[in-house]
Amino acid sequence: MFKAFIEPFRQPPPPIDPETLRSGGGRKPKARAKNWSGTLGRIWTYLARRKVKLSMVLLMVFASSALALLGPYMVGVAVDDFIAGKPTQAGLSF
């Protein structure tokens, strides 16, 4: 019964050419920009139209990161104060 399910996956491996393995596996080299300043200038013209939105996104990313770090810090301070015996609002109970 399982033979019908397994049979389609039993294919012979593709033939391997030793020359292809020596030359890097037949991969093409990555294309790179030849004119970096022109490429960056073109990207800047696309982004310059959206300066306000881009700055808002960066501001939100920084705010989100700061708030994500603030929570564990505040919990650590609360636990340290409770362990040290400083009086807090009835410990850590809610």
PDB file of N, CA and C in Angstrom:
ATOM      1  N   MET A   1       0.819  -1.191   0.000  1.00  0.00           N
ATOM      2  CA  MET A   1       0.000   0.000   0.000  1.00  0.00           C
ATOM      3  C   MET A   1       0.870   1.266   0.000  1.00  0.00           C
ATOM      4  N   PHE A   2       1.924   1.292   0.832  1.00  0.00           N
ATOM      5  CA  PHE A   2       2.784   2.466   0.887  1.00  0.00           C
ATOM      6  C   PHE A   2       3.673   2.578  -0.337  1.00  0.00           C
ATOM      7  N   LYS A   3       3.807   1.507  -1.085  1.00  0.00           N
ATOM      8  CA  LYS A   3       4.656   1.525  -2.259  1.00  0.00           C
ATOM      9  C   LYS A   3       4.172   2.559  -3.283  1.00  0.00           C
ATOM     10  N   ALA A   4       2.873   2.703  -3.392  1.00  0.00           N
ATOM     11  CA  ALA A   4       2.308   3.669  -4.332  1.00  0.00           C
ATOM     12  C   ALA A   4       2.644   5.107  -3.929  1.00  0.00           C
ATOM     13  N   PHE A   5       2.790   5.341  -2.628  1.00  0.00           N
ATOM     14  CA  PHE A   5       3.120   6.686  -2.171  1.00  0.00           C
ATOM     15  C   PHE A   5       4.613   6.978  -2.276  1.00  0.00           C
ATOM     16  N   ILE A   6       5.448   5.976  -2.091  1.00  0.00           N
ATOM     17  CA  ILE A   6       6.890   6.162  -2.069  1.00  0.00           C
ATOM     18  C   ILE A   6       7.492   6.175  -3.471  1.00  0.00           C
ATOM     19  N   GLU A   7       6.916   5.460  -4.377  1.00  0.00           N
ATOM     20  CA  GLU A   7       7.482   5.274  -5.717  1.00  0.00           C
ATOM     21  C   GLU A   7       7.757   6.584  -6.462  1.00  0.00           C
ATOM     22  N   PRO A   8       6.880   7.582  -6.443  1.00  0.00           N
ATOM     23  CA  PRO A   8       7.182   8.818  -7.191  1.00  0.00           C
ATOM     24  C   PRO A   8       8.423   9.556  -6.673  1.00  0.00           C
ATOM     25  N   PHE A   9       8.820   9.316  -5.417  1.00  0.00           N
ATOM     26  CA  PHE A   9       9.963  10.021  -4.841  1.00  0.00           C
ATOM     27  C   PHE A   9      11.280   9.285  -5.058  1.00  0.00           C
ATOM     28  N   ARG A  10      11.241   8.125  -5.636  1.00  0.00           N
ATOM     29  CA  ARG A  10      12.462   7.352  -5.888  1.00  0.00           C
ATOM     30  C   ARG A  10      12.965   7.652  -7.289  1.00  0.00           C
ATOM     31  N   GLN A  11      13.651   8.732  -7.418  1.00  0.00           N
ATOM     32  CA  GLN A  11      14.217   9.129  -8.696  1.00  0.00           C
ATOM     33  C   GLN A  11      15.731   9.003  -8.602  1.00  0.00           C
ATOM     34  N   PRO A  12      16.384   8.652  -9.692  1.00  0.00           N
ATOM     35  CA  PRO A  12      17.849   8.569  -9.634  1.00  0.00           C
ATOM     36  C   PRO A  12      18.443   9.975  -9.495  1.00  0.00           C
ATOM     37  N   PRO A  13      19.581  10.092  -8.804  1.00  0.00           N
ATOM     38  CA  PRO A  13      20.197  11.420  -8.658  1.00  0.00           C
ATOM     39  C   PRO A  13      20.689  11.933 -10.004  1.00  0.00           C
ATOM     40  N   PRO A  14      20.722  13.230 -10.183  1.00  0.00           N
ATOM     41  CA  PRO A  14      21.195  13.780 -11.457  1.00  0.00           C
ATOM     42  C   PRO A  14      22.678  13.480 -11.638  1.00  0.00           C
ATOM     43  N   PRO A  15      23.110  13.362 -12.880  1.00  0.00           N
ATOM     44  CA  PRO A  15      24.535  13.099 -13.111  1.00  0.00           C
ATOM     45  C   PRO A  15      25.375  14.309 -12.713  1.00  0.00           C
ATOM     46  N   ILE A  16      26.539  14.033 -12.143  1.00  0.00           N
ATOM     47  CA  ILE A  16      27.428  15.092 -11.675  1.00  0.00           C
ATOM     48  C   ILE A  16      28.635  15.150 -12.602  1.00  0.00           C
ATOM     49  N   ASP A  17      28.884  16.313 -13.141  1.00  0.00           N
ATOM     50  CA  ASP A  17      30.017  16.534 -14.025  1.00  0.00           C
ATOM     51  C   ASP A  17      31.195  17.036 -13.193  1.00  0.00           C
ATOM     52  N   PRO A  18      32.332  16.337 -13.188  1.00  0.00           N
ATOM     53  CA  PRO A  18      33.482  16.787 -12.377  1.00  0.00           C
ATOM     54  C   PRO A  18      33.974  18.180 -12.762  1.00  0.00           C
ATOM     55  N   GLU A  19      33.855  18.563 -14.013  1.00  0.00           N
ATOM     56  CA  GLU A  19      34.305  19.891 -14.449  1.00  0.00           C
ATOM     57  C   GLU A  19      33.436  20.980 -13.820  1.00  0.00           C
ATOM     58  N   THR A  20      32.158  20.714 -13.692  1.00  0.00           N
ATOM     59  CA  THR A  20      31.257  21.682 -13.069  1.00  0.00           C
ATOM     60  C   THR A  20      31.615  21.877 -11.606  1.00  0.00           C
ATOM     61  N   LEU A  21      31.975  20.807 -10.919  1.00  0.00           N
ATOM     62  CA  LEU A  21      32.355  20.914  -9.518  1.00  0.00           C
ATOM     63  C   LEU A  21      33.634  21.720  -9.348  1.00  0.00           C
ATOM     64  N   ARG A  22      34.592  21.543 -10.230  1.00  0.00           N
ATOM     65  CA  ARG A  22      35.862  22.278 -10.130  1.00  0.00           C
ATOM     66  C   ARG A  22      35.690  23.762 -10.420  1.00  0.00           C
ATOM     67  N   SER A  23      34.729  24.104 -11.266  1.00  0.00           N
ATOM     68  CA  SER A  23      34.574  25.505 -11.664  1.00  0.00           C
ATOM     69  C   SER A  23      33.629  26.282 -10.754  1.00  0.00           C
ATOM     70  N   GLY A  24      33.228  25.719  -9.621  1.00  0.00           N
ATOM     71  CA  GLY A  24      32.385  26.469  -8.689  1.00  0.00           C
ATOM     72  C   GLY A  24      30.941  26.046  -8.717  1.00  0.00           C
ATOM     73  N   GLY A  25      30.633  24.890  -9.240  1.00  0.00           N
ATOM     74  CA  GLY A  25      29.271  24.398  -9.207  1.00  0.00           C
ATOM     75  C   GLY A  25      28.365  24.976 -10.264  1.00  0.00           C
ATOM     76  N   GLY A  26      28.903  25.627 -11.267  1.00  0.00           N
ATOM     77  CA  GLY A  26      28.070  26.172 -12.332  1.00  0.00           C
ATOM     78  C   GLY A  26      27.351  27.447 -11.952  1.00  0.00           C
ATOM     79  N   ARG A  27      27.733  28.056 -10.833  1.00  0.00           N
ATOM     80  CA  ARG A  27      27.083  29.296 -10.418  1.00  0.00           C
ATOM     81  C   ARG A  27      27.675  30.481 -11.150  1.00  0.00           C
ATOM     82  N   LYS A  28      26.807  31.436 -11.421  1.00  0.00           N
ATOM     83  CA  LYS A  28      27.257  32.670 -12.053  1.00  0.00           C
ATOM     84  C   LYS A  28      27.716  33.635 -10.969  1.00  0.00           C
ATOM     85  N   PRO A  29      28.705  34.467 -11.242  1.00  0.00           N
ATOM     86  CA  PRO A  29      29.109  35.457 -10.239  1.00  0.00           C
ATOM     87  C   PRO A  29      27.996  36.479 -10.028  1.00  0.00           C
ATOM     88  N   LYS A  30      27.929  37.013  -8.806  1.00  0.00           N
ATOM     89  CA  LYS A  30      26.897  37.993  -8.494  1.00  0.00           C
ATOM     90  C   LYS A  30      27.145  39.286  -9.261  1.00  0.00           C
ATOM     91  N   ALA A  31      26.055  39.871  -9.721  1.00  0.00           N
ATOM     92  CA  ALA A  31      26.158  41.142 -10.423  1.00  0.00           C
ATOM     93  C   ALA A  31      26.337  42.259  -9.404  1.00  0.00           C
ATOM     94  N   ARG A  32      27.249  43.149  -9.653  1.00  0.00           N
ATOM     95  CA  ARG A  32      27.505  44.265  -8.754  1.00  0.00           C
ATOM     96  C   ARG A  32      27.382  45.578  -9.518  1.00  0.00           C
ATOM     97  N   ALA A  33      27.021  46.612  -8.767  1.00  0.00           N
ATOM     98  CA  ALA A  33      26.906  47.927  -9.382  1.00  0.00           C
ATOM     99  C   ALA A  33      28.295  48.445  -9.732  1.00  0.00           C
ATOM    100  N   LYS A  34      28.448  48.942 -10.921  1.00  0.00           N
ATOM    101  CA  LYS A  34      29.741  49.465 -11.345  1.00  0.00           C
ATOM    102  C   LYS A  34      29.904  50.937 -10.963  1.00  0.00           C
ATOM    103  N   ASN A  35      28.792  51.642 -10.837  1.00  0.00           N
ATOM    104  CA  ASN A  35      28.825  53.065 -10.520  1.00  0.00           C
ATOM    105  C   ASN A  35      28.097  53.274  -9.190  1.00  0.00           C
ATOM    106  N   TRP A  36      28.843  53.193  -8.070  1.00  0.00           N
ATOM    107  CA  TRP A  36      28.226  53.298  -6.751  1.00  0.00           C
ATOM    108  C   TRP A  36      27.596  54.658  -6.521  1.00  0.00           C
ATOM    109  N   SER A  37      28.280  55.715  -6.899  1.00  0.00           N
ATOM    110  CA  SER A  37      27.736  57.050  -6.638  1.00  0.00           C
ATOM    111  C   SER A  37      26.465  57.289  -7.451  1.00  0.00           C
ATOM    112  N   GLY A  38      26.441  56.817  -8.682  1.00  0.00           N
ATOM    113  CA  GLY A  38      25.230  56.957  -9.485  1.00  0.00           C
ATOM    114  C   GLY A  38      24.071  56.150  -8.927  1.00  0.00           C
ATOM    115  N   THR A  39      24.381  54.946  -8.435  1.00  0.00           N
ATOM    116  CA  THR A  39      23.338  54.102  -7.846  1.00  0.00           C
ATOM    117  C   THR A  39      22.783  54.748  -6.587  1.00  0.00           C
ATOM    118  N   LEU A  40      23.665  55.224  -5.708  1.00  0.00           N
ATOM    119  CA  LEU A  40      23.194  55.879  -4.490  1.00  0.00           C
ATOM    120  C   LEU A  40      22.426  57.164  -4.798  1.00  0.00           C
ATOM    121  N   GLY A  41      22.863  57.885  -5.810  1.00  0.00           N
ATOM    122  CA  GLY A  41      22.138  59.098  -6.205  1.00  0.00           C
ATOM    123  C   GLY A  41      20.737  58.790  -6.694  1.00  0.00           C
ATOM    124  N   ARG A  42      20.605  57.713  -7.467  1.00  0.00           N
ATOM    125  CA  ARG A  42      19.286  57.308  -7.946  1.00  0.00           C
ATOM    126  C   ARG A  42      18.377  56.870  -6.797  1.00  0.00           C
ATOM    127  N   ILE A  43      18.939  56.117  -5.839  1.00  0.00           N
ATOM    128  CA  ILE A  43      18.145  55.698  -4.683  1.00  0.00           C
ATOM    129  C   ILE A  43      17.722  56.915  -3.875  1.00  0.00           C
ATOM    130  N   TRP A  44      18.628  57.869  -3.712  1.00  0.00           N
ATOM    131  CA  TRP A  44      18.286  59.066  -2.944  1.00  0.00           C
ATOM    132  C   TRP A  44      17.167  59.854  -3.618  1.00  0.00           C
ATOM    133  N   THR A  45      17.140  59.913  -4.941  1.00  0.00           N
ATOM    134  CA  THR A  45      16.053  60.651  -5.607  1.00  0.00           C
ATOM    135  C   THR A  45      14.707  59.984  -5.331  1.00  0.00           C
ATOM    136  N   TYR A  46      14.686  58.665  -5.239  1.00  0.00           N
ATOM    137  CA  TYR A  46      13.428  57.981  -4.899  1.00  0.00           C
ATOM    138  C   TYR A  46      13.032  58.268  -3.453  1.00  0.00           C
ATOM    139  N   LEU A  47      14.010  58.268  -2.547  1.00  0.00           N
ATOM    140  CA  LEU A  47      13.715  58.472  -1.135  1.00  0.00           C
ATOM    141  C   LEU A  47      13.499  59.940  -0.781  1.00  0.00           C
ATOM    142  N   ALA A  48      14.062  60.850  -1.551  1.00  0.00           N
ATOM    143  CA  ALA A  48      13.953  62.277  -1.239  1.00  0.00           C
ATOM    144  C   ALA A  48      12.508  62.752  -1.317  1.00  0.00           C
ATOM    145  N   ARG A  49      11.718  62.129  -2.151  1.00  0.00           N
ATOM    146  CA  ARG A  49      10.312  62.521  -2.268  1.00  0.00           C
ATOM    147  C   ARG A  49       9.521  62.159  -1.015  1.00  0.00           C
ATOM    148  N   ARG A  50      10.045  61.232  -0.262  1.00  0.00           N
ATOM    149  CA  ARG A  50       9.337  60.725   0.915  1.00  0.00           C
ATOM    150  C   ARG A  50      10.141  60.964   2.191  1.00  0.00           C
ATOM    151  N   LYS A  51      10.757  62.109   2.309  1.00  0.00           N
ATOM    152  CA  LYS A  51      11.609  62.406   3.467  1.00  0.00           C
ATOM    153  C   LYS A  51      10.825  62.365   4.776  1.00  0.00           C
ATOM    154  N   VAL A  52       9.645  62.935   4.781  1.00  0.00           N
ATOM    155  CA  VAL A  52       8.852  63.003   6.007  1.00  0.00           C
ATOM    156  C   VAL A  52       8.447  61.597   6.441  1.00  0.00           C
ATOM    157  N   LYS A  53       7.965  60.794   5.502  1.00  0.00           N
ATOM    158  CA  LYS A  53       7.551  59.432   5.843  1.00  0.00           C
ATOM    159  C   LYS A  53       8.736  58.591   6.290  1.00  0.00           C
ATOM    160  N   LEU A  54       9.864  58.747   5.625  1.00  0.00           N
ATOM    161  CA  LEU A  54      11.055  58.000   5.993  1.00  0.00           C
ATOM    162  C   LEU A  54      11.539  58.384   7.383  1.00  0.00           C
ATOM    163  N   SER A  55      11.521  59.672   7.704  1.00  0.00           N
ATOM    164  CA  SER A  55      11.949  60.098   9.031  1.00  0.00           C
ATOM    165  C   SER A  55      10.971  59.627  10.099  1.00  0.00           C
ATOM    166  N   MET A  56       9.673  59.580   9.785  1.00  0.00           N
ATOM    167  CA  MET A  56       8.693  59.065  10.742  1.00  0.00           C
ATOM    168  C   MET A  56       8.910  57.570  10.990  1.00  0.00           C
ATOM    169  N   VAL A  57       9.211  56.831   9.954  1.00  0.00           N
ATOM    170  CA  VAL A  57       9.470  55.400  10.115  1.00  0.00           C
ATOM    171  C   VAL A  57      10.694  55.186  10.999  1.00  0.00           C
ATOM    172  N   LEU A  58      11.763  55.930  10.757  1.00  0.00           N
ATOM    173  CA  LEU A  58      12.959  55.793  11.583  1.00  0.00           C
ATOM    174  C   LEU A  58      12.688  56.187  13.027  1.00  0.00           C
ATOM    175  N   LEU A  59      11.913  57.230  13.245  1.00  0.00           N
ATOM    176  CA  LEU A  59      11.554  57.652  14.594  1.00  0.00           C
ATOM    177  C   LEU A  59      10.748  56.559  15.299  1.00  0.00           C
ATOM    178  N   MET A  60       9.805  55.957  14.594  1.00  0.00           N
ATOM    179  CA  MET A  60       8.993  54.884  15.187  1.00  0.00           C
ATOM    180  C   MET A  60       9.833  53.647  15.492  1.00  0.00           C
ATOM    181  N   VAL A  61      10.801  53.341  14.653  1.00  0.00           N
ATOM    182  CA  VAL A  61      11.679  52.196  14.907  1.00  0.00           C
ATOM    183  C   VAL A  61      12.483  52.435  16.177  1.00  0.00           C
ATOM    184  N   PHE A  62      13.043  53.634  16.332  1.00  0.00           N
ATOM    185  CA  PHE A  62      13.811  53.943  17.534  1.00  0.00           C
ATOM    186  C   PHE A  62      12.914  53.929  18.771  1.00  0.00           C
ATOM    187  N   ALA A  63      11.718  54.490  18.673  1.00  0.00           N
ATOM    188  CA  ALA A  63      10.798  54.501  19.817  1.00  0.00           C
ATOM    189  C   ALA A  63      10.392  53.077  20.194  1.00  0.00           C
ATOM    190  N   SER A  64      10.111  52.254  19.203  1.00  0.00           N
ATOM    191  CA  SER A  64       9.728  50.868  19.468  1.00  0.00           C
ATOM    192  C   SER A  64      10.860  50.106  20.137  1.00  0.00           C
ATOM    193  N   SER A  65      12.074  50.306  19.674  1.00  0.00           N
ATOM    194  CA  SER A  65      13.228  49.634  20.282  1.00  0.00           C
ATOM    195  C   SER A  65      13.433  50.093  21.715  1.00  0.00           C
ATOM    196  N   ALA A  66      13.300  51.385  21.961  1.00  0.00           N
ATOM    197  CA  ALA A  66      13.487  51.910  23.309  1.00  0.00           C
ATOM    198  C   ALA A  66      12.420  51.369  24.254  1.00  0.00           C
ATOM    199  N   LEU A  67      11.172  51.329  23.814  1.00  0.00           N
ATOM    200  CA  LEU A  67      10.104  50.812  24.667  1.00  0.00           C
ATOM    201  C   LEU A  67      10.235  49.310  24.894  1.00  0.00           C
ATOM    202  N   ALA A  68      10.745  48.586  23.897  1.00  0.00           N
ATOM    203  CA  ALA A  68      10.951  47.152  24.066  1.00  0.00           C
ATOM    204  C   ALA A  68      12.044  46.872  25.091  1.00  0.00           C
ATOM    205  N   LEU A  69      13.037  47.746  25.196  1.00  0.00           N
ATOM    206  CA  LEU A  69      14.093  47.586  26.196  1.00  0.00           C
ATOM    207  C   LEU A  69      13.673  48.104  27.564  1.00  0.00           C
ATOM    208  N   LEU A  70      12.742  49.034  27.617  1.00  0.00           N
ATOM    209  CA  LEU A  70      12.330  49.645  28.869  1.00  0.00           C
ATOM    210  C   LEU A  70      11.536  48.676  29.746  1.00  0.00           C
ATOM    211  N   GLY A  71      10.708  47.824  29.161  1.00  0.00           N
ATOM    212  CA  GLY A  71       9.886  46.894  29.933  1.00  0.00           C
ATOM    213  C   GLY A  71      10.699  45.945  30.796  1.00  0.00           C
ATOM    214  N   PRO A  72      11.629  45.168  30.214  1.00  0.00           N
ATOM    215  CA  PRO A  72      12.440  44.279  31.047  1.00  0.00           C
ATOM    216  C   PRO A  72      13.294  45.027  32.081  1.00  0.00           C
ATOM    217  N   TYR A  73      13.739  46.220  31.748  1.00  0.00           N
ATOM    218  CA  TYR A  73      14.515  47.002  32.707  1.00  0.00           C
ATOM    219  C   TYR A  73      13.657  47.361  33.917  1.00  0.00           C
ATOM    220  N   MET A  74      12.418  47.799  33.680  1.00  0.00           N
ATOM    221  CA  MET A  74      11.530  48.179  34.781  1.00  0.00           C
ATOM    222  C   MET A  74      11.170  46.973  35.636  1.00  0.00           C
ATOM    223  N   VAL A  75      10.979  45.818  35.025  1.00  0.00           N
ATOM    224  CA  VAL A  75      10.697  44.603  35.793  1.00  0.00           C
ATOM    225  C   VAL A  75      11.906  44.254  36.657  1.00  0.00           C
ATOM    226  N   GLY A  76      13.107  44.378  36.103  1.00  0.00           N
ATOM    227  CA  GLY A  76      14.316  44.105  36.870  1.00  0.00           C
ATOM    228  C   GLY A  76      14.457  45.034  38.057  1.00  0.00           C
ATOM    229  N   VAL A  77      14.164  46.306  37.880  1.00  0.00           N
ATOM    230  CA  VAL A  77      14.245  47.272  38.976  1.00  0.00           C
ATOM    231  C   VAL A  77      13.219  46.926  40.046  1.00  0.00           C
ATOM    232  N   ALA A  78      12.003  46.555  39.647  1.00  0.00           N
ATOM    233  CA  ALA A  78      10.964  46.202  40.613  1.00  0.00           C
ATOM    234  C   ALA A  78      11.360  44.963  41.406  1.00  0.00           C
ATOM    235  N   VAL A  79      11.914  43.957  40.747  1.00  0.00           N
ATOM    236  CA  VAL A  79      12.339  42.739  41.440  1.00  0.00           C
ATOM    237  C   VAL A  79      13.493  43.049  42.378  1.00  0.00           C
ATOM    238  N   ASP A  80      14.454  43.834  41.929  1.00  0.00           N
ATOM    239  CA  ASP A  80      15.592  44.190  42.780  1.00  0.00           C
ATOM    240  C   ASP A  80      15.139  44.961  44.014  1.00  0.00           C
ATOM    241  N   ASP A  81      14.208  45.895  43.852  1.00  0.00           N
ATOM    242  CA  ASP A  81      13.689  46.650  44.991  1.00  0.00           C
ATOM    243  C   ASP A  81      12.954  45.737  45.957  1.00  0.00           C
ATOM    244  N   PHE A  82      12.206  44.777  45.454  1.00  0.00           N
ATOM    245  CA  PHE A  82      11.459  43.869  46.317  1.00  0.00           C
ATOM    246  C   PHE A  82      12.403  42.957  47.092  1.00  0.00           C
ATOM    247  N   ILE A  83      13.452  42.470  46.415  1.00  0.00           N
ATOM    248  CA  ILE A  83      14.404  41.579  47.072  1.00  0.00           C
ATOM    249  C   ILE A  83      15.220  42.347  48.110  1.00  0.00           C
ATOM    250  N   ALA A  84      15.560  43.574  47.826  1.00  0.00           N
ATOM    251  CA  ALA A  84      16.370  44.374  48.743  1.00  0.00           C
ATOM    252  C   ALA A  84      15.581  44.793  49.974  1.00  0.00           C
ATOM    253  N   GLY A  85      14.278  44.606  49.975  1.00  0.00           N
ATOM    254  CA  GLY A  85      13.461  44.923  51.140  1.00  0.00           C
ATOM    255  C   GLY A  85      12.953  46.350  51.173  1.00  0.00           C
ATOM    256  N   LYS A  86      13.129  47.062  50.097  1.00  0.00           N
ATOM    257  CA  LYS A  86      12.583  48.412  50.066  1.00  0.00           C
ATOM    258  C   LYS A  86      11.058  48.312  50.007  1.00  0.00           C
ATOM    259  N   PRO A  87      10.372  49.123  50.758  1.00  0.00           N
ATOM    260  CA  PRO A  87       8.906  49.018  50.738  1.00  0.00           C
ATOM    261  C   PRO A  87       8.338  49.511  49.403  1.00  0.00           C
ATOM    262  N   THR A  88       7.587  48.652  48.781  1.00  0.00           N
ATOM    263  CA  THR A  88       6.867  49.019  47.561  1.00  0.00           C
ATOM    264  C   THR A  88       5.403  48.834  47.823  1.00  0.00           C
ATOM    265  N   GLN A  89       4.577  48.965  46.875  1.00  0.00           N
ATOM    266  CA  GLN A  89       3.136  48.831  47.070  1.00  0.00           C
ATOM    267  C   GLN A  89       2.780  47.361  47.260  1.00  0.00           C
ATOM    268  N   ALA A  90       2.937  46.849  48.442  1.00  0.00           N
ATOM    269  CA  ALA A  90       2.606  45.472  48.803  1.00  0.00           C
ATOM    270  C   ALA A  90       3.349  44.471  47.934  1.00  0.00           C
ATOM    271  N   GLY A  91       4.614  44.697  47.702  1.00  0.00           N
ATOM    272  CA  GLY A  91       5.429  43.750  46.938  1.00  0.00           C
ATOM    273  C   GLY A  91       5.099  43.779  45.458  1.00  0.00           C
ATOM    274  N   LEU A  92       5.096  42.603  44.880  1.00  0.00           N
ATOM    275  CA  LEU A  92       4.813  42.501  43.456  1.00  0.00           C
ATOM    276  C   LEU A  92       3.415  41.970  43.180  1.00  0.00           C
ATOM    277  N   SER A  93       2.558  41.916  44.195  1.00  0.00           N
ATOM    278  CA  SER A  93       1.205  41.393  43.970  1.00  0.00           C
ATOM    279  C   SER A  93       0.356  42.451  43.277  1.00  0.00           C
ATOM    280  N   PHE A  94      -0.673  41.988  42.664  1.00  0.00           N
ATOM    281  CA  PHE A  94      -1.563  42.890  41.910  1.00  0.00           C
ATOM    282  C   PHE A  94      -2.819  43.155  42.673  1.00  0.00           C
TER     283      PHE A  94
END
